[in-house]
Structure formats: C-alpha cells, structure tokens
Amino acid sequence: MLAKRMMWISWPAFLVAGLLEILVFGLVDPQDLQWFGHPLALSRQGVYTLSFFAFWALAMLSSGLTTLLSMSPVEVNR
C-alpha cells in the first residue's frame, strides 16, 4: 500500500514539475537570473535541472499533504 501511495504522490508531482518548468522557462532566461544581486554560476542546463527538482519536491509536498489529509484517523494512527 505504501508503494501505491508513493506513486499517487510522485507521478502527479512529476507531471506538475514538468509543466512548471515549461511555463517558467518559457518566460525567463536562466542566464538572466540573479541570486542576491549576483549572477548564478550555473549553466542553463544546471538551472533547469535544479529548478525541476525544486518544483518536483514542492509538488510532492503538496500531493503528500493532500494524501495525508484524505486518510481516515484509523489509517493515520496505525
């Protein structure tokens, strides 16, 4: 059951991360990004990769919270 829940969380989060990646970097050039006033020391591919995993982690957190809140009290307290 845990494997099923992990798929319920990770697969939709993966799709959302891909969509966010397309939307964000369709509007923003990674070479124009700055961190505290300094340009990023990463290549475009590095920015794409790190941002994808950040988007994925945030979407997984959201999906995980939704899954947790949908569980019955009996399931949570096991």
Protein backbone atom coordinates (compact mmCIF):
# COMPACT_ATOMS: atom_id res chain seq x y z
CA MET A 1 0.00 0.00 0.00
CA LEU A 2 2.91 2.35 0.69
CA ALA A 3 4.25 1.89 -2.84
CA LYS A 4 0.82 2.75 -4.24
CA ARG A 5 0.63 5.91 -2.14
CA MET A 6 4.11 6.94 -3.22
CA MET A 7 3.04 6.62 -6.85
CA TRP A 8 -0.09 8.68 -6.10
CA ILE A 9 2.24 11.37 -4.78
CA SER A 10 5.27 11.25 -7.06
CA TRP A 11 3.73 10.74 -10.51
CA PRO A 12 1.34 13.74 -10.49
CA ALA A 13 4.09 15.81 -8.88
CA PHE A 14 6.46 14.83 -11.71
CA LEU A 15 3.93 15.96 -14.30
CA VAL A 16 3.31 19.26 -12.49
CA ALA A 17 7.06 19.88 -12.20
CA GLY A 18 7.44 19.36 -15.94
CA LEU A 19 4.60 21.78 -16.64
CA LEU A 20 6.03 24.38 -14.27
CA GLU A 21 9.43 24.02 -15.91
CA ILE A 22 7.92 24.74 -19.32
CA LEU A 23 5.87 27.68 -18.04
CA VAL A 24 8.62 29.34 -16.01
CA PHE A 25 11.43 28.96 -18.50
CA GLY A 26 9.19 29.85 -21.41
CA LEU A 27 9.15 33.32 -19.86
CA VAL A 28 12.52 33.54 -18.06
CA ASP A 29 16.01 33.02 -19.43
CA PRO A 30 18.17 31.19 -16.84
CA GLN A 31 21.18 33.34 -17.78
CA ASP A 32 19.28 36.46 -16.63
CA LEU A 33 18.64 35.11 -13.13
CA GLN A 34 20.48 36.60 -10.15
CA TRP A 35 20.95 35.49 -6.56
CA PHE A 36 21.28 38.38 -4.11
CA GLY A 37 22.41 40.68 -6.90
CA HIS A 38 25.00 38.29 -8.33
CA PRO A 39 24.56 36.23 -11.50
CA LEU A 40 24.17 32.49 -10.99
CA ALA A 41 27.35 30.48 -11.51
CA LEU A 42 25.43 27.66 -13.21
CA SER A 43 24.88 26.76 -16.81
CA ARG A 44 21.40 26.90 -18.31
CA GLN A 45 21.16 23.12 -18.02
CA GLY A 46 22.16 23.31 -14.35
CA VAL A 47 19.45 25.87 -13.62
CA TYR A 48 16.89 23.76 -15.49
CA THR A 49 17.89 20.66 -13.53
CA LEU A 50 17.91 22.25 -10.08
CA SER A 51 14.66 24.09 -10.67
CA PHE A 52 12.96 20.91 -11.94
CA PHE A 53 13.90 19.04 -8.75
CA ALA A 54 12.80 22.01 -6.61
CA PHE A 55 9.45 22.13 -8.44
CA TRP A 56 9.11 18.36 -8.07
CA ALA A 57 9.85 18.48 -4.33
CA LEU A 58 7.29 21.24 -3.77
CA ALA A 59 4.66 19.42 -5.81
CA MET A 60 5.40 16.17 -3.91
CA LEU A 61 4.98 18.04 -0.63
CA SER A 62 1.61 19.32 -1.80
CA SER A 63 0.47 15.91 -3.06
CA GLY A 64 1.70 14.23 0.12
CA LEU A 65 -0.19 16.66 2.29
CA THR A 66 -3.35 16.07 0.24
CA THR A 67 -2.90 12.30 0.61
CA LEU A 68 -2.32 12.63 4.35
CA LEU A 69 -5.41 14.79 4.82
CA SER A 70 -7.55 12.33 2.85
CA MET A 71 -6.64 9.41 5.14
CA SER A 72 -9.03 8.31 7.87
CA PRO A 73 -7.93 8.71 11.51
CA VAL A 74 -7.58 4.94 11.80
CA GLU A 75 -5.07 4.86 8.89
CA VAL A 76 -3.08 7.79 10.29
CA ASN A 77 -2.77 6.32 13.79
CA ARG A 78 -1.53 2.88 12.69
